[in-house]
Amino acid sequence: MPQEPDDALRTRIADELPEVAEIGDPALQRGVIEAWALALSRSSFSSIRDIPPSGNPGSMTLTRGDQTDHIRGVTRLAMRMAEEMGALNPEMAINRDIVIAGGLCHDVGKPWEFDPENRRRWEASPRATGLPSIRHPGYGLHLCFLAGLPEEVAHIAGAHSGEGELLVRSLECTIVHLADIGYWTMALAGGLIRPETVSSKYRRPIVL
């Protein structure tokens, strides 16, 4: 049964994702932490660090580290891209807070999709439940709304991956999407992905 998030969990999340302090809006900071608190409390994971460092279960797995390395890496890449594009093109009016919150929450649905209990249940009866029943972008969008985050952040969680090919991504979502793709592509080129887990999506030719 889902547990109610407590302050100890929220403090742990803030420690694991220090970039949350870069968000200027205190309400948005709290929303990011709450979304992750809800995600973890509804899973068998007690920490973001407990989640394997993979893009999808068993796919694109880092040779070291944990899920915080990916989430923080994508967020930091997105921040730098937003800053540089914004400096060169101020008329773009990139919302930095939304970029950071979206980067931190883009994979907030992973505790659901990666949960060992869920994996066993889905694999036992994919005809009944699907496999998975919902991918992490869809569940992440749900969590963002549940945590009271704005539509702009929920959109990034829901559309940063393949699901985003079915709609028009916002500017901030496009930045996070490219940071996510870039993170995995650079990690692969740099020898940071376990060879047996490389997804066909990242084998040449790469199609964005």
C-alpha atoms as a PDB file:
ATOM      1  CA  MET A   1       0.000   0.000   0.000  1.00  0.00           C
ATOM      2  CA  PRO A   2       1.252   3.529  -0.712  1.00  0.00           C
ATOM      3  CA  GLN A   3       2.718   5.342   2.267  1.00  0.00           C
ATOM      4  CA  GLU A   4       2.258   9.032   2.950  1.00  0.00           C
ATOM      5  CA  PRO A   5       5.499  10.961   2.326  1.00  0.00           C
ATOM      6  CA  ASP A   6       7.179  12.291   5.461  1.00  0.00           C
ATOM      7  CA  ASP A   7       9.618  15.131   6.054  1.00  0.00           C
ATOM      8  CA  ALA A   8      12.570  12.747   6.326  1.00  0.00           C
ATOM      9  CA  LEU A   9      11.882  11.572   2.778  1.00  0.00           C
ATOM     10  CA  ARG A  10      11.512  15.137   1.522  1.00  0.00           C
ATOM     11  CA  THR A  11      14.830  16.091   3.139  1.00  0.00           C
ATOM     12  CA  ARG A  12      16.532  13.091   1.531  1.00  0.00           C
ATOM     13  CA  ILE A  13      15.210  14.097  -1.892  1.00  0.00           C
ATOM     14  CA  ALA A  14      16.438  17.675  -1.468  1.00  0.00           C
ATOM     15  CA  ASP A  15      19.877  16.282  -0.575  1.00  0.00           C
ATOM     16  CA  GLU A  16      19.895  13.941  -3.567  1.00  0.00           C
ATOM     17  CA  LEU A  17      18.807  16.655  -6.013  1.00  0.00           C
ATOM     18  CA  PRO A  18      20.652  19.805  -4.869  1.00  0.00           C
ATOM     19  CA  GLU A  19      19.783  21.589  -8.138  1.00  0.00           C
ATOM     20  CA  VAL A  20      16.307  22.122  -6.719  1.00  0.00           C
ATOM     21  CA  ALA A  21      17.838  25.068  -4.832  1.00  0.00           C
ATOM     22  CA  GLU A  22      18.502  26.723  -8.216  1.00  0.00           C
ATOM     23  CA  ILE A  23      14.745  27.175  -8.716  1.00  0.00           C
ATOM     24  CA  GLY A  24      13.765  30.728  -7.824  1.00  0.00           C
ATOM     25  CA  ASP A  25      10.124  30.026  -6.977  1.00  0.00           C
ATOM     26  CA  PRO A  26       9.810  28.392  -3.514  1.00  0.00           C
ATOM     27  CA  ALA A  27       6.444  26.845  -4.422  1.00  0.00           C
ATOM     28  CA  LEU A  28       8.006  25.217  -7.474  1.00  0.00           C
ATOM     29  CA  GLN A  29      10.868  23.916  -5.330  1.00  0.00           C
ATOM     30  CA  ARG A  30       8.370  22.322  -2.958  1.00  0.00           C
ATOM     31  CA  GLY A  31       6.396  20.860  -5.855  1.00  0.00           C
ATOM     32  CA  VAL A  32       9.453  19.129  -7.310  1.00  0.00           C
ATOM     33  CA  ILE A  33      10.302  17.584  -3.950  1.00  0.00           C
ATOM     34  CA  GLU A  34       6.678  16.560  -3.385  1.00  0.00           C
ATOM     35  CA  ALA A  35       6.431  14.885  -6.793  1.00  0.00           C
ATOM     36  CA  TRP A  36       9.466  12.756  -6.002  1.00  0.00           C
ATOM     37  CA  ALA A  37       8.206  12.082  -2.468  1.00  0.00           C
ATOM     38  CA  LEU A  38       4.941  10.785  -3.912  1.00  0.00           C
ATOM     39  CA  ALA A  39       6.810   8.716  -6.503  1.00  0.00           C
ATOM     40  CA  LEU A  40       9.017   7.002  -3.937  1.00  0.00           C
ATOM     41  CA  SER A  41       6.283   6.514  -1.344  1.00  0.00           C
ATOM     42  CA  ARG A  42       4.242   4.629  -3.953  1.00  0.00           C
ATOM     43  CA  SER A  43       7.105   2.285  -4.791  1.00  0.00           C
ATOM     44  CA  SER A  44       9.468  -0.147  -3.093  1.00  0.00           C
ATOM     45  CA  PHE A  45      12.315   2.373  -3.390  1.00  0.00           C
ATOM     46  CA  SER A  46      13.205   4.532  -0.389  1.00  0.00           C
ATOM     47  CA  SER A  47      15.643   6.754  -2.256  1.00  0.00           C
ATOM     48  CA  ILE A  48      16.275   7.984  -5.802  1.00  0.00           C
ATOM     49  CA  ARG A  49      19.759   6.507  -5.418  1.00  0.00           C
ATOM     50  CA  ASP A  50      18.183   3.058  -5.063  1.00  0.00           C
ATOM     51  CA  ILE A  51      16.889   3.201  -8.655  1.00  0.00           C
ATOM     52  CA  PRO A  52      19.231   1.578 -11.223  1.00  0.00           C
ATOM     53  CA  PRO A  53      21.080   4.062 -13.473  1.00  0.00           C
ATOM     54  CA  SER A  54      19.208   3.104 -16.644  1.00  0.00           C
ATOM     55  CA  GLY A  55      17.154   4.942 -19.242  1.00  0.00           C
ATOM     56  CA  ASN A  56      14.557   2.181 -19.235  1.00  0.00           C
ATOM     57  CA  PRO A  57      14.535  -1.067 -17.242  1.00  0.00           C
ATOM     58  CA  GLY A  58      17.538  -3.083 -18.432  1.00  0.00           C
ATOM     59  CA  SER A  59      18.369  -0.578 -21.182  1.00  0.00           C
ATOM     60  CA  MET A  60      21.086   2.104 -21.424  1.00  0.00           C
ATOM     61  CA  THR A  61      22.574   1.299 -18.022  1.00  0.00           C
ATOM     62  CA  LEU A  62      25.474   3.395 -16.776  1.00  0.00           C
ATOM     63  CA  THR A  63      28.659   1.555 -15.827  1.00  0.00           C
ATOM     64  CA  ARG A  64      28.622   3.293 -12.449  1.00  0.00           C
ATOM     65  CA  GLY A  65      26.482   5.533 -10.288  1.00  0.00           C
ATOM     66  CA  ASP A  66      22.744   5.661  -9.752  1.00  0.00           C
ATOM     67  CA  GLN A  67      19.641   7.376 -11.099  1.00  0.00           C
ATOM     68  CA  THR A  68      20.562  10.712  -9.516  1.00  0.00           C
ATOM     69  CA  ASP A  69      23.566  10.916 -11.841  1.00  0.00           C
ATOM     70  CA  HIS A  70      21.275  10.854 -14.859  1.00  0.00           C
ATOM     71  CA  ILE A  71      18.614  13.189 -13.459  1.00  0.00           C
ATOM     72  CA  ARG A  72      21.148  15.746 -12.263  1.00  0.00           C
ATOM     73  CA  GLY A  73      23.180  15.402 -15.451  1.00  0.00           C
ATOM     74  CA  VAL A  74      20.187  16.089 -17.680  1.00  0.00           C
ATOM     75  CA  THR A  75      19.134  19.015 -15.502  1.00  0.00           C
ATOM     76  CA  ARG A  76      22.575  20.594 -15.581  1.00  0.00           C
ATOM     77  CA  LEU A  77      22.882  20.142 -19.349  1.00  0.00           C
ATOM     78  CA  ALA A  78      19.439  21.683 -19.818  1.00  0.00           C
ATOM     79  CA  MET A  79      20.370  24.624 -17.588  1.00  0.00           C
ATOM     80  CA  ARG A  80      23.518  25.333 -19.597  1.00  0.00           C
ATOM     81  CA  MET A  81      21.711  25.079 -22.936  1.00  0.00           C
ATOM     82  CA  ALA A  82      18.963  27.392 -21.719  1.00  0.00           C
ATOM     83  CA  GLU A  83      21.492  29.910 -20.431  1.00  0.00           C
ATOM     84  CA  GLU A  84      23.542  29.958 -23.641  1.00  0.00           C
ATOM     85  CA  MET A  85      20.546  30.086 -25.989  1.00  0.00           C
ATOM     86  CA  GLY A  86      18.934  32.725 -23.808  1.00  0.00           C
ATOM     87  CA  ALA A  87      22.075  34.853 -23.846  1.00  0.00           C
ATOM     88  CA  LEU A  88      22.342  34.630 -27.625  1.00  0.00           C
ATOM     89  CA  ASN A  89      18.612  34.986 -28.235  1.00  0.00           C
ATOM     90  CA  PRO A  90      16.964  36.866 -25.351  1.00  0.00           C
ATOM     91  CA  GLU A  91      13.718  37.142 -27.306  1.00  0.00           C
ATOM     92  CA  MET A  92      13.209  33.403 -26.708  1.00  0.00           C
ATOM     93  CA  ALA A  93      12.309  34.259 -23.089  1.00  0.00           C
ATOM     94  CA  ILE A  94      13.227  30.810 -21.767  1.00  0.00           C
ATOM     95  CA  ASN A  95      11.705  30.106 -18.348  1.00  0.00           C
ATOM     96  CA  ARG A  96      14.712  28.953 -16.317  1.00  0.00           C
ATOM     97  CA  ASP A  97      12.649  27.733 -13.371  1.00  0.00           C
ATOM     98  CA  ILE A  98      10.548  25.520 -15.636  1.00  0.00           C
ATOM     99  CA  VAL A  99      13.665  24.116 -17.317  1.00  0.00           C
ATOM    100  CA  ILE A 100      15.176  23.188 -13.943  1.00  0.00           C
ATOM    101  CA  ALA A 101      11.950  21.793 -12.483  1.00  0.00           C
ATOM    102  CA  GLY A 102      11.286  19.888 -15.698  1.00  0.00           C
ATOM    103  CA  GLY A 103      14.797  18.484 -15.750  1.00  0.00           C
ATOM    104  CA  LEU A 104      14.506  17.306 -12.162  1.00  0.00           C
ATOM    105  CA  CYS A 105      11.054  15.805 -12.762  1.00  0.00           C
ATOM    106  CA  HIS A 106      11.462  14.412 -16.262  1.00  0.00           C
ATOM    107  CA  ASP A 107      11.992  10.889 -14.892  1.00  0.00           C
ATOM    108  CA  VAL A 108       9.850  11.172 -11.760  1.00  0.00           C
ATOM    109  CA  GLY A 109       7.752   8.247 -13.030  1.00  0.00           C
ATOM    110  CA  LYS A 110      10.698   5.837 -12.956  1.00  0.00           C
ATOM    111  CA  PRO A 111      10.052   4.485  -9.443  1.00  0.00           C
ATOM    112  CA  TRP A 112       6.784   3.093 -10.872  1.00  0.00           C
ATOM    113  CA  GLU A 113       8.230   1.631 -14.073  1.00  0.00           C
ATOM    114  CA  PHE A 114      11.384   0.292 -12.390  1.00  0.00           C
ATOM    115  CA  ASP A 115       9.697  -1.092  -9.257  1.00  0.00           C
ATOM    116  CA  PRO A 116      10.611  -4.816  -8.962  1.00  0.00           C
ATOM    117  CA  GLU A 117       7.148  -5.702  -7.678  1.00  0.00           C
ATOM    118  CA  ASN A 118       5.499  -3.975 -10.631  1.00  0.00           C
ATOM    119  CA  ARG A 119       7.912  -5.651 -13.069  1.00  0.00           C
ATOM    120  CA  ARG A 120       7.086  -9.098 -11.681  1.00  0.00           C
ATOM    121  CA  ARG A 121       3.361  -8.405 -11.843  1.00  0.00           C
ATOM    122  CA  TRP A 122       3.464  -7.090 -15.416  1.00  0.00           C
ATOM    123  CA  GLU A 123       5.749  -9.855 -16.662  1.00  0.00           C
ATOM    124  CA  ALA A 124       3.484 -12.486 -15.092  1.00  0.00           C
ATOM    125  CA  SER A 125       0.440 -11.283 -17.023  1.00  0.00           C
ATOM    126  CA  PRO A 126       1.197  -8.788 -19.807  1.00  0.00           C
ATOM    127  CA  ARG A 127      -2.037  -9.789 -21.513  1.00  0.00           C
ATOM    128  CA  ALA A 128      -3.956  -8.389 -18.547  1.00  0.00           C
ATOM    129  CA  THR A 129      -1.787  -5.457 -17.439  1.00  0.00           C
ATOM    130  CA  GLY A 130       0.442  -4.572 -20.359  1.00  0.00           C
ATOM    131  CA  LEU A 131       4.232  -4.488 -20.010  1.00  0.00           C
ATOM    132  CA  PRO A 132       4.558  -2.001 -18.465  1.00  0.00           C
ATOM    133  CA  SER A 133       1.024  -0.863 -17.816  1.00  0.00           C
ATOM    134  CA  ILE A 134       2.228   2.769 -18.057  1.00  0.00           C
ATOM    135  CA  ARG A 135       5.691   3.999 -19.013  1.00  0.00           C
ATOM    136  CA  HIS A 136       7.469   6.455 -16.750  1.00  0.00           C
ATOM    137  CA  PRO A 137       6.565   9.569 -18.801  1.00  0.00           C
ATOM    138  CA  GLY A 138       2.836   8.923 -18.433  1.00  0.00           C
ATOM    139  CA  TYR A 139       3.049   8.088 -14.756  1.00  0.00           C
ATOM    140  CA  GLY A 140       5.383  11.026 -14.184  1.00  0.00           C
ATOM    141  CA  LEU A 141       2.844  13.422 -15.692  1.00  0.00           C
ATOM    142  CA  HIS A 142       0.247  12.020 -13.274  1.00  0.00           C
ATOM    143  CA  LEU A 143       2.576  12.554 -10.299  1.00  0.00           C
ATOM    144  CA  CYS A 144       3.363  16.127 -11.319  1.00  0.00           C
ATOM    145  CA  PHE A 145      -0.309  17.056 -11.350  1.00  0.00           C
ATOM    146  CA  LEU A 146      -0.850  15.162  -8.081  1.00  0.00           C
ATOM    147  CA  ALA A 147       1.943  17.209  -6.476  1.00  0.00           C
ATOM    148  CA  GLY A 148       0.400  20.468  -7.658  1.00  0.00           C
ATOM    149  CA  LEU A 149       3.106  21.254 -10.206  1.00  0.00           C
ATOM    150  CA  PRO A 150       2.134  23.487 -13.130  1.00  0.00           C
ATOM    151  CA  GLU A 151       1.095  22.121 -16.508  1.00  0.00           C
ATOM    152  CA  GLU A 152       4.399  23.261 -18.017  1.00  0.00           C
ATOM    153  CA  VAL A 153       6.371  20.890 -15.766  1.00  0.00           C
ATOM    154  CA  ALA A 154       3.897  18.013 -16.142  1.00  0.00           C
ATOM    155  CA  HIS A 155       4.213  18.436 -19.920  1.00  0.00           C
ATOM    156  CA  ILE A 156       7.984  17.946 -19.688  1.00  0.00           C
ATOM    157  CA  ALA A 157       7.601  14.772 -17.621  1.00  0.00           C
ATOM    158  CA  GLY A 158       5.052  13.424 -20.078  1.00  0.00           C
ATOM    159  CA  ALA A 159       6.662  14.485 -23.357  1.00  0.00           C
ATOM    160  CA  HIS A 160      10.436  14.313 -22.819  1.00  0.00           C
ATOM    161  CA  SER A 161      10.645  10.851 -24.396  1.00  0.00           C
ATOM    162  CA  GLY A 162       8.888   8.999 -27.222  1.00  0.00           C
ATOM    163  CA  GLU A 163       5.442  10.099 -26.098  1.00  0.00           C
ATOM    164  CA  GLY A 164       6.483  13.622 -27.057  1.00  0.00           C
ATOM    165  CA  GLU A 165       6.579  12.612 -30.728  1.00  0.00           C
ATOM    166  CA  LEU A 166       2.765  12.584 -30.665  1.00  0.00           C
ATOM    167  CA  LEU A 167       2.463  16.293 -29.843  1.00  0.00           C
ATOM    168  CA  VAL A 168       4.269  19.624 -30.129  1.00  0.00           C
ATOM    169  CA  ARG A 169       6.819  20.029 -27.351  1.00  0.00           C
ATOM    170  CA  SER A 170       7.098  23.358 -25.538  1.00  0.00           C
ATOM    171  CA  LEU A 171      10.375  25.288 -25.727  1.00  0.00           C
ATOM    172  CA  GLU A 172      11.414  24.207 -22.227  1.00  0.00           C
ATOM    173  CA  CYS A 173      10.399  20.599 -22.933  1.00  0.00           C
ATOM    174  CA  THR A 174      12.459  20.654 -26.131  1.00  0.00           C
ATOM    175  CA  ILE A 175      15.494  21.765 -24.123  1.00  0.00           C
ATOM    176  CA  VAL A 176      15.056  18.962 -21.562  1.00  0.00           C
ATOM    177  CA  HIS A 177      14.359  16.424 -24.327  1.00  0.00           C
ATOM    178  CA  LEU A 178      17.593  17.330 -26.132  1.00  0.00           C
ATOM    179  CA  ALA A 179      19.524  17.293 -22.842  1.00  0.00           C
ATOM    180  CA  ASP A 180      18.170  13.793 -22.154  1.00  0.00           C
ATOM    181  CA  ILE A 181      19.053  12.489 -25.626  1.00  0.00           C
ATOM    182  CA  GLY A 182      22.413  14.239 -25.424  1.00  0.00           C
ATOM    183  CA  TYR A 183      23.186  12.760 -22.016  1.00  0.00           C
ATOM    184  CA  TRP A 184      22.708   9.171 -23.181  1.00  0.00           C
ATOM    185  CA  THR A 185      24.431   9.764 -26.524  1.00  0.00           C
ATOM    186  CA  MET A 186      27.503  11.303 -24.877  1.00  0.00           C
ATOM    187  CA  ALA A 187      27.565   8.631 -22.169  1.00  0.00           C
ATOM    188  CA  LEU A 188      27.571   5.957 -24.882  1.00  0.00           C
ATOM    189  CA  ALA A 189      30.322   7.702 -26.874  1.00  0.00           C
ATOM    190  CA  GLY A 190      32.362   8.060 -23.687  1.00  0.00           C
ATOM    191  CA  GLY A 191      32.168   4.382 -22.775  1.00  0.00           C
ATOM    192  CA  LEU A 192      29.849   4.922 -19.813  1.00  0.00           C
ATOM    193  CA  ILE A 193      27.097   2.527 -20.967  1.00  0.00           C
ATOM    194  CA  ARG A 194      27.234  -1.218 -20.369  1.00  0.00           C
ATOM    195  CA  PRO A 195      27.543  -2.670 -23.901  1.00  0.00           C
ATOM    196  CA  GLU A 196      24.914  -5.360 -23.398  1.00  0.00           C
ATOM    197  CA  THR A 197      22.326  -2.712 -22.504  1.00  0.00           C
ATOM    198  CA  VAL A 198      22.765  -0.373 -25.494  1.00  0.00           C
ATOM    199  CA  SER A 199      19.376   0.399 -27.021  1.00  0.00           C
ATOM    200  CA  SER A 200      18.881   0.137 -30.783  1.00  0.00           C
ATOM    201  CA  LYS A 201      17.665   3.748 -30.576  1.00  0.00           C
ATOM    202  CA  TYR A 202      21.226   4.843 -29.845  1.00  0.00           C
ATOM    203  CA  ARG A 203      22.975   2.687 -32.440  1.00  0.00           C
ATOM    204  CA  ARG A 204      23.920   4.375 -35.701  1.00  0.00           C
ATOM    205  CA  PRO A 205      22.251   5.959 -37.490  1.00  0.00           C
ATOM    206  CA  ILE A 206      20.779   8.027 -34.659  1.00  0.00           C
ATOM    207  CA  VAL A 207      17.414   9.557 -35.497  1.00  0.00           C
ATOM    208  CA  LEU A 208      16.290  12.376 -33.238  1.00  0.00           C
END
